[in-house]
Protein backbone atom coordinates (compact mmCIF):
# COMPACT_ATOMS: atom_id res chain seq x y z
CA MET A 1 0.00 0.00 0.00
CA ASN A 2 1.70 3.24 -1.14
CA THR A 3 0.21 5.74 1.29
CA LEU A 4 1.29 7.85 4.23
CA ALA A 5 -1.56 6.32 6.15
CA ALA A 6 0.02 2.90 5.88
CA SER A 7 0.79 0.89 8.97
CA PRO A 8 4.14 1.65 10.67
CA GLY A 9 5.91 -1.30 9.04
CA GLU A 10 5.05 -0.45 5.46
CA ARG A 11 7.03 1.69 3.05
CA ILE A 12 6.35 3.77 -0.02
CA ALA A 13 8.24 1.62 -2.51
CA VAL A 14 8.44 4.21 -5.29
CA VAL A 15 10.24 6.58 -2.91
CA ASP A 16 12.93 3.95 -2.36
CA VAL A 17 13.25 3.58 -6.12
CA LEU A 18 13.61 7.36 -6.53
CA ARG A 19 16.22 7.48 -3.78
CA ALA A 20 18.27 4.79 -5.51
CA PHE A 21 17.89 6.65 -8.80
CA ALA A 22 19.18 9.82 -7.12
CA LEU A 23 22.17 7.98 -5.68
CA PHE A 24 22.99 6.63 -9.13
CA GLY A 25 23.25 10.20 -10.45
CA ILE A 26 25.21 11.38 -7.43
CA ILE A 27 28.02 8.86 -7.89
CA VAL A 28 28.24 9.79 -11.59
CA THR A 29 28.59 13.46 -10.63
CA HIS A 30 31.35 12.67 -8.17
CA ALA A 31 33.17 10.26 -10.48
CA VAL A 32 33.55 12.77 -13.33
CA ASP A 33 36.13 14.69 -11.30
CA GLY A 34 37.44 11.68 -9.40
CA PHE A 35 35.67 12.54 -6.13
CA LEU A 36 37.87 15.63 -5.96
CA ALA A 37 35.07 17.70 -4.37
CA GLY A 38 36.95 20.93 -4.88
CA GLN A 39 38.46 23.27 -7.42
CA PRO A 40 40.34 21.26 -10.09
CA PRO A 41 44.07 21.93 -10.38
CA VAL A 42 43.84 22.58 -14.14
CA GLN A 43 41.03 23.67 -16.43
CA ASP A 44 40.64 20.41 -18.38
CA PHE A 45 41.05 18.13 -15.38
CA MET A 46 40.57 14.44 -16.26
CA LEU A 47 39.68 15.33 -19.84
CA PHE A 48 42.26 13.40 -21.86
CA SER A 49 40.19 12.37 -24.87
CA ALA A 50 37.12 13.23 -26.91
CA ALA A 51 35.17 10.59 -24.98
CA ASP A 52 36.13 12.28 -21.71
CA ARG A 53 34.86 15.62 -22.98
CA VAL A 54 31.59 14.12 -24.15
CA VAL A 55 31.03 12.41 -20.80
CA ASP A 56 31.92 15.61 -18.96
CA GLN A 57 29.43 17.61 -21.04
CA ILE A 58 26.69 15.02 -20.57
CA GLU A 59 27.31 15.03 -16.82
CA HIS A 60 27.14 18.82 -16.64
CA LEU A 61 23.90 19.01 -18.59
CA PHE A 62 22.06 15.95 -17.31
CA THR A 63 23.33 15.01 -13.84
CA PHE A 64 25.10 17.97 -12.19
CA GLY A 65 22.78 19.31 -9.50
CA LYS A 66 19.79 17.26 -10.69
CA PHE A 67 20.20 14.18 -8.54
CA TYR A 68 21.12 16.09 -5.40
CA THR A 69 17.90 18.01 -6.09
CA ILE A 70 15.93 14.75 -6.01
CA PHE A 71 17.85 13.51 -2.96
CA SER A 72 17.09 16.73 -1.06
CA PHE A 73 13.43 16.65 -2.08
CA LEU A 74 13.15 13.11 -0.72
CA PHE A 75 14.68 14.23 2.59
CA GLY A 76 11.80 16.68 3.05
CA LEU A 77 9.35 13.98 2.03
CA SER A 78 10.78 11.64 4.67
CA PHE A 79 10.30 14.39 7.26
CA ALA A 80 6.60 14.57 6.34
CA ILE A 81 6.24 10.79 6.58
CA GLN A 82 7.95 10.64 9.98
CA LEU A 83 5.82 13.53 11.27
CA HIS A 84 2.65 11.80 10.06
CA LYS A 85 3.57 8.52 11.75
CA ALA A 86 4.45 10.27 15.02
CA THR A 87 1.07 12.03 14.91
CA GLN A 88 -0.70 8.72 14.28
CA LYS A 89 1.02 7.17 17.29
CA GLY A 90 0.40 10.22 19.46
CA VAL A 91 4.07 10.56 20.41
CA GLY A 92 6.33 13.60 20.54
CA PHE A 93 8.20 14.47 17.38
CA SER A 94 10.40 17.57 17.59
CA GLY A 95 12.75 16.32 20.29
CA ARG A 96 13.24 12.90 18.73
CA PHE A 97 13.74 14.37 15.25
CA SER A 98 16.25 16.93 16.56
CA TRP A 99 18.25 14.16 18.22
CA ARG A 100 18.01 12.10 15.03
CA LEU A 101 19.56 15.02 13.14
CA ALA A 102 22.24 15.38 15.82
CA VAL A 103 23.21 11.75 15.25
CA LEU A 104 23.21 12.38 11.50
CA ALA A 105 25.54 15.34 12.11
CA LEU A 106 27.98 13.06 13.95
CA ILE A 107 27.90 10.61 11.05
CA ALA A 108 28.42 13.55 8.67
CA ILE A 109 31.46 14.79 10.58
CA ALA A 110 33.06 11.36 10.39
CA HIS A 111 32.17 11.08 6.70
CA GLY A 112 33.41 14.59 5.95
CA ALA A 113 36.83 13.73 7.36
CA PHE A 114 37.33 11.49 4.31
CA PHE A 115 35.25 13.27 1.68
CA ALA A 116 34.97 17.04 1.43
CA GLY A 117 31.82 16.77 -0.68
CA ASP A 118 29.72 15.40 2.20
CA ILE A 119 26.14 16.73 2.04
CA LEU A 120 24.87 15.10 5.23
CA ILE A 121 26.04 17.93 7.49
CA ILE A 122 24.00 20.38 5.42
CA TYR A 123 20.95 18.14 5.76
CA ALA A 124 21.46 17.80 9.50
CA LEU A 125 21.69 21.57 10.03
CA LEU A 126 18.98 22.67 7.60
CA GLY A 127 16.73 19.85 8.79
CA LEU A 128 16.31 21.64 12.11
CA LEU A 129 14.61 24.49 10.25
CA LEU A 130 11.89 22.10 9.11
CA ILE A 131 10.53 21.82 12.64
CA PRO A 132 9.07 25.37 12.71
CA PHE A 133 7.38 24.62 9.36
CA ARG A 134 5.67 21.43 10.53
CA ASN A 135 2.40 23.28 11.16
CA ALA A 136 2.65 25.65 8.18
CA LYS A 137 -0.15 25.66 5.63
CA THR A 138 0.34 23.39 2.65
CA ARG A 139 0.16 26.36 0.27
CA THR A 140 2.85 28.14 2.29
CA LEU A 141 5.18 25.17 1.89
CA LEU A 142 4.62 25.25 -1.87
CA ILE A 143 5.10 29.00 -2.33
CA VAL A 144 8.15 29.39 -0.08
CA GLY A 145 9.64 26.20 -1.48
CA LEU A 146 9.31 27.34 -5.09
CA VAL A 147 10.74 30.80 -4.31
CA LEU A 148 13.82 29.24 -2.71
CA VAL A 149 14.24 26.42 -5.23
CA CYS A 150 14.16 28.87 -8.15
CA ASN A 151 16.93 30.81 -6.37
CA VAL A 152 14.93 34.03 -6.33
CA PRO A 153 16.98 35.30 -3.33
CA GLY A 154 20.20 34.74 -5.28
CA LEU A 155 18.78 36.51 -8.33
CA LEU A 156 17.70 39.50 -6.26
CA PHE A 157 20.95 39.78 -4.30
CA GLY A 158 23.01 39.26 -7.45
CA GLY A 159 21.00 41.91 -9.30
CA LEU A 160 21.53 44.40 -6.50
CA ALA A 161 25.24 43.60 -6.50
CA VAL A 162 25.48 44.13 -10.27
CA MET A 163 23.82 47.54 -9.95
CA ALA A 164 25.76 48.59 -6.87
CA ILE A 165 29.28 47.46 -7.72
CA PRO A 166 31.18 50.14 -9.70
CA GLU A 167 33.84 49.45 -12.30
CA PRO A 168 36.86 47.93 -10.52
CA THR A 169 39.94 50.06 -10.09
CA PRO A 170 43.39 48.81 -11.19
CA GLU A 171 44.19 48.15 -7.55
CA GLN A 172 41.05 46.06 -7.14
CA LEU A 173 41.83 44.11 -10.28
CA GLU A 174 45.32 43.41 -8.97
CA ALA A 175 43.94 42.30 -5.60
CA ASN A 176 41.43 40.04 -7.32
CA ALA A 177 44.19 38.48 -9.42
CA ALA A 178 46.21 37.83 -6.27
CA MET A 179 43.20 36.20 -4.63
CA GLN A 180 42.63 33.99 -7.67
CA ALA A 181 46.28 32.94 -7.54
CA GLN A 182 45.91 32.07 -3.87
CA PHE A 183 42.83 29.96 -4.59
CA ALA A 184 44.71 28.18 -7.37
CA GLN A 185 47.57 27.42 -5.01
CA MET A 186 45.17 26.04 -2.41
CA ALA A 187 43.54 23.91 -5.10
CA GLN A 188 46.91 22.44 -6.02
CA GLN A 189 47.62 21.63 -2.38
CA GLN A 190 44.23 19.95 -1.94
CA TYR A 191 44.74 17.95 -5.09
CA HIS A 192 48.16 16.65 -4.09
CA ILE A 193 46.92 15.68 -0.62
CA LYS A 194 44.06 13.68 -2.12
CA GLN A 195 46.25 12.17 -4.80
CA SER A 196 49.18 11.12 -2.63
CA GLY A 197 48.76 12.41 0.92
CA THR A 198 48.48 10.43 4.14
CA LEU A 199 45.24 9.77 5.98
CA LEU A 200 46.12 12.38 8.59
CA GLU A 201 46.86 14.99 5.91
CA LEU A 202 43.55 14.24 4.21
CA MET A 203 41.58 14.55 7.44
CA ARG A 204 43.33 17.80 8.36
CA ALA A 205 42.65 19.29 4.94
CA ASN A 206 38.99 18.31 5.02
CA ALA A 207 38.57 19.56 8.58
CA TYR A 208 39.17 23.14 7.42
CA ASN A 209 39.39 23.61 3.68
CA GLY A 210 36.63 21.10 3.00
CA ILE A 211 34.22 22.94 5.29
CA VAL A 212 35.19 26.40 4.04
CA GLY A 213 35.01 25.35 0.39
CA LYS A 214 31.64 23.69 0.89
CA ALA A 215 30.19 26.73 2.68
CA PHE A 216 31.48 29.02 -0.08
CA PHE A 217 29.96 26.81 -2.78
CA MET A 218 26.61 26.47 -1.01
CA ILE A 219 26.26 30.23 -0.55
CA ILE A 220 27.71 31.57 -3.80
CA THR A 221 25.58 29.21 -5.91
CA GLY A 222 22.46 29.56 -3.76
CA ARG A 223 22.45 25.82 -3.05
CA LEU A 224 22.00 26.52 0.66
CA TRP A 225 18.49 27.98 0.38
CA ILE A 226 17.71 25.93 -2.72
CA THR A 227 18.26 22.79 -0.63
CA PHE A 228 15.95 24.03 2.10
CA GLY A 229 13.37 24.92 -0.54
CA LEU A 230 13.55 21.33 -1.77
CA PHE A 231 12.96 20.15 1.80
CA LEU A 232 9.79 22.26 1.89
CA LEU A 233 8.60 20.93 -1.46
CA GLY A 234 9.19 17.42 -0.15
CA MET A 235 7.01 18.27 2.87
CA TRP A 236 4.36 19.64 0.51
CA ALA A 237 4.43 16.43 -1.54
CA GLY A 238 4.17 14.37 1.64
CA ARG A 239 1.17 16.34 2.83
CA LEU A 240 -0.63 15.72 -0.47
CA GLU A 241 0.46 12.06 -0.63
CA ILE A 242 1.38 12.45 -4.30
CA PHE A 243 3.38 9.21 -4.24
CA LYS A 244 0.32 7.17 -3.40
CA ASP A 245 -0.58 5.25 -6.55
CA THR A 246 -3.97 6.71 -7.48
CA GLU A 247 -5.40 7.79 -10.80
CA ALA A 248 -5.38 11.40 -9.61
CA ASN A 249 -1.67 11.22 -8.80
CA ARG A 250 -0.90 9.53 -12.10
CA ALA A 251 -2.70 12.39 -13.82
CA PHE A 252 -0.66 14.87 -11.74
CA PHE A 253 2.65 13.39 -12.87
CA ARG A 254 1.49 13.18 -16.49
CA LYS A 255 0.61 16.88 -16.33
CA LEU A 256 3.97 17.65 -14.72
CA LEU A 257 5.88 15.65 -17.33
CA TRP A 258 5.37 17.83 -20.39
CA PRO A 259 5.85 21.41 -19.11
CA ALA A 260 8.82 20.33 -16.99
CA GLY A 261 10.32 18.50 -19.96
CA LEU A 262 9.77 21.42 -22.34
CA ILE A 263 11.31 24.00 -19.98
CA ALA A 264 14.18 21.61 -19.24
CA LEU A 265 14.79 21.15 -22.98
CA ILE A 266 14.91 24.91 -23.64
CA THR A 267 17.19 25.69 -20.68
CA THR A 268 19.42 22.71 -21.45
CA LEU A 269 19.94 23.97 -24.99
CA SER A 270 20.64 27.43 -23.58
CA GLU A 271 23.27 26.07 -21.20
CA TRP A 272 24.85 23.97 -23.94
CA LEU A 273 25.12 26.89 -26.38
CA ASN A 274 25.91 29.62 -23.86
CA PRO A 275 27.16 28.11 -20.58
CA VAL A 276 27.43 30.00 -17.33
CA SER A 277 30.72 31.52 -16.29
CA GLU A 278 32.07 31.57 -12.75
CA GLN A 279 34.54 34.33 -13.51
CA ALA A 280 32.44 37.50 -13.47
CA LEU A 281 29.29 38.88 -11.84
CA THR A 282 27.48 40.51 -14.75
CA ALA A 283 23.80 40.88 -15.60
CA GLY A 284 24.13 38.43 -18.49
CA ASN A 285 25.91 35.80 -16.44
CA LEU A 286 23.42 36.25 -13.59
CA LEU A 287 20.57 35.45 -15.97
CA ARG A 288 22.48 32.43 -17.26
CA TRP A 289 22.88 31.19 -13.68
CA PHE A 290 19.14 31.65 -13.16
CA SER A 291 18.42 29.74 -16.36
CA PHE A 292 20.73 26.92 -15.25
CA THR A 293 18.96 26.78 -11.89
CA ILE A 294 15.61 26.42 -13.65
CA GLN A 295 17.16 23.73 -15.85
CA GLN A 296 18.21 21.75 -12.79
CA VAL A 297 14.80 22.06 -11.14
CA THR A 298 12.69 21.22 -14.18
CA LEU A 299 14.91 18.38 -15.38
CA SER A 300 14.81 16.90 -11.87
CA ALA A 301 11.00 17.16 -11.87
CA PHE A 302 10.94 15.49 -15.29
CA TYR A 303 13.11 12.64 -14.00
CA VAL A 304 10.87 12.14 -10.95
CA ALA A 305 7.72 12.10 -13.08
CA VAL A 306 9.17 9.60 -15.57
CA VAL A 307 10.53 7.22 -12.93
CA THR A 308 7.34 7.36 -10.86
CA LEU A 309 5.03 6.69 -13.82
CA LEU A 310 7.23 3.90 -15.14
CA TYR A 311 7.39 2.26 -11.73
CA TRP A 312 3.62 2.45 -11.24
CA ARG A 313 3.15 0.85 -14.65
CA ARG A 314 5.22 -2.20 -13.62
CA PRO A 315 5.74 -2.17 -9.83
CA SER A 316 6.97 -5.75 -9.51
CA THR A 317 9.07 -6.48 -12.60
CA GLY A 318 11.91 -4.84 -14.46
CA LEU A 319 14.85 -2.69 -13.42
CA LEU A 320 13.10 -0.07 -11.29
CA PRO A 321 11.71 -2.44 -8.62
CA ALA A 322 15.19 -3.97 -8.41
CA LEU A 323 16.48 -0.58 -7.26
CA ALA A 324 14.23 -0.43 -4.19
CA PRO A 325 16.55 -2.30 -1.75
CA MET A 326 19.41 0.03 -2.67
CA GLY A 327 17.21 3.07 -2.01
CA ARG A 328 15.86 1.56 1.20
CA MET A 329 19.38 1.66 2.61
CA GLY A 330 20.18 5.09 1.18
CA LEU A 331 22.60 6.17 3.90
CA THR A 332 24.61 2.97 3.59
CA THR A 333 24.63 3.37 -0.20
CA TYR A 334 25.77 6.99 0.00
CA LEU A 335 28.58 6.21 2.44
CA GLY A 336 29.55 3.17 0.38
CA GLN A 337 30.04 5.40 -2.64
CA THR A 338 32.57 7.44 -0.68
CA VAL A 339 34.44 4.26 0.24
CA PHE A 340 34.56 3.49 -3.49
CA GLY A 341 35.77 7.01 -4.32
CA VAL A 342 38.49 7.11 -1.68
CA LEU A 343 39.83 3.62 -2.43
CA VAL A 344 39.79 4.05 -6.21
CA PHE A 345 40.86 7.67 -6.69
CA TYR A 346 42.74 8.84 -3.59
CA GLY A 347 46.32 8.04 -2.72
CA LEU A 348 45.07 5.97 0.22
CA GLY A 349 43.92 3.43 -2.37
CA LEU A 350 44.67 3.01 -6.06
CA GLY A 351 45.50 6.69 -6.53
CA LEU A 352 43.78 7.06 -9.92
CA LEU A 353 42.83 10.71 -9.35
CA GLY A 354 44.01 12.68 -12.36
CA LYS A 355 45.48 9.57 -13.98
CA ILE A 356 42.36 8.29 -15.73
CA GLY A 357 39.83 10.20 -17.79
CA ALA A 358 36.27 11.11 -16.93
CA ALA A 359 34.84 8.39 -19.18
CA THR A 360 36.82 5.64 -17.47
CA ALA A 361 35.99 7.05 -14.04
CA VAL A 362 32.26 7.06 -14.79
CA GLY A 363 32.51 3.54 -16.17
CA LEU A 364 34.04 2.35 -12.91
CA ALA A 365 31.33 4.16 -10.96
CA LEU A 366 28.57 2.52 -12.98
CA ALA A 367 30.11 -0.89 -12.36
CA PHE A 368 30.13 -0.12 -8.65
CA VAL A 369 26.45 0.89 -8.78
CA VAL A 370 25.61 -2.49 -10.29
CA LEU A 371 27.52 -4.11 -7.42
CA GLN A 372 25.60 -2.01 -4.90
CA ILE A 373 22.27 -3.05 -6.45
CA VAL A 374 23.18 -6.73 -6.18
CA LEU A 375 24.53 -6.44 -2.64
CA ALA A 376 21.49 -4.48 -1.49
CA GLN A 377 19.16 -7.17 -2.83
CA LEU A 378 21.14 -9.88 -1.05
CA TRP A 379 21.23 -7.85 2.17
CA ALA A 380 17.47 -7.21 2.04
CA ARG A 381 16.80 -10.97 2.10
CA TYR A 382 18.12 -11.20 5.65
CA PHE A 383 17.93 -7.70 7.13
CA THR A 384 15.31 -4.97 7.36
CA MET A 385 17.77 -2.06 7.18
CA GLY A 386 21.31 -1.28 6.09
CA PRO A 387 24.23 -1.24 8.54
CA ALA A 388 24.51 2.57 8.53
CA GLU A 389 20.74 2.85 9.06
CA TRP A 390 21.04 0.44 11.98
CA VAL A 391 23.72 2.60 13.60
CA TRP A 392 21.70 5.76 12.99
CA ARG A 393 18.49 4.31 14.44
CA SER A 394 20.18 2.56 17.35
CA LEU A 395 21.87 5.79 18.43
CA THR A 396 18.60 7.66 17.94
CA TYR A 397 16.70 5.32 20.30
CA PHE A 398 19.65 4.69 22.65
CA LYS A 399 19.52 0.92 22.18
CA PRO A 400 20.37 -1.63 19.49
CA GLN A 401 17.49 -2.00 17.04
CA PRO A 402 16.38 -5.34 15.63
CA MET A 403 17.46 -5.67 12.04
CA ARG A 404 17.40 -9.36 11.16
CA ARG A 405 14.40 -10.22 9.04
CA ARG A 406 12.00 -12.66 10.62
CA ALA A 407 10.46 -15.54 8.71
CA GLY A 408 7.42 -14.33 6.78
CA ASP A 409 8.42 -10.66 6.80
CA ALA A 410 7.56 -8.77 3.60
CA ALA A 411 10.45 -7.66 1.42
CA VAL A 412 9.67 -4.03 2.11
CA ALA A 413 9.58 -4.29 5.89
CA GLY A 414 11.18 -1.60 7.99
CA VAL A 415 10.84 2.15 8.17
CA ALA A 416 13.50 4.64 7.04
């Protein structure tokens, strides 16, 4: 039964499928630059051949930002599901959810010591802001969510900056050049540490530069409030139960499919022909950034609509249902991808960072995804949750949680 009103042991299977789909795109995004999670040391980093350039372009247009968008949306949806279940049981929610996020933050800190691109700490911090919105009107969630997701704050602030900033003086240009040189030097240092540094050097670098670089990226691109907007849209979707398989919801996704696809097509062509530039804050580049943001949002919506409709058409056979176990243990899958990235690309493992092209890197990542799908299916035969989920839930409830599947349990038992 795909409904928020389901009994506590049941899951919304299509959400697990979407989560696995999002994780597939996330590992592709990370693999293109070898899990560098920072400024590349050279402009054409890991682009050694025509195939590498094609893969890099495809990644930029069709995966960059899109799958994190879906992943963030599903985080807000999970919040709505957990709130609904707590209300059904008549138990307190805010305190338990806050502690749950605190545990997630601890996991994120440990994860971030190895991988500077960790997103869990952002989820843990922004997730606290969802609590004040738990009683907000459904329309409020939709309006505020759309305003933030479309990066309207960034467009307004950027427009004001364009109008207010005068032509730079020679001294300012010189200072800016010096700053760019300093950033380039830091990028080289980060690259060499990840390529051939020790574990201690990696952890030290990520403890400071990883956090600073991530904060800079999240703010300068607007991803900070965009992510929270996606949380709110996930709450909105949870309130309306749009992932319950009904004819009305099928009609909703069919209606979403075409306008989202058309806008995504137009903005994708725009980005392909006239890509954004990170070098200058101008009115033209600001509009290109806005267009690229809309491209990410609408293409993500298109992906969600397609996957959802395809899954509902054949919920028990084919590739999509096979993804559900992988999505059910999303935290384990996400952390497992970092293990893959560190062991394959960093000097702590095979040290392939910068030595293989983007096409080969993505190929290795796709092979690892296949392995994760198979392992998740095998794991789901015997356990109700992944190992990372078990740690997270056990720490949340202050006692070890049962995880071994009992005889007769359904394949979708357990609650995320």
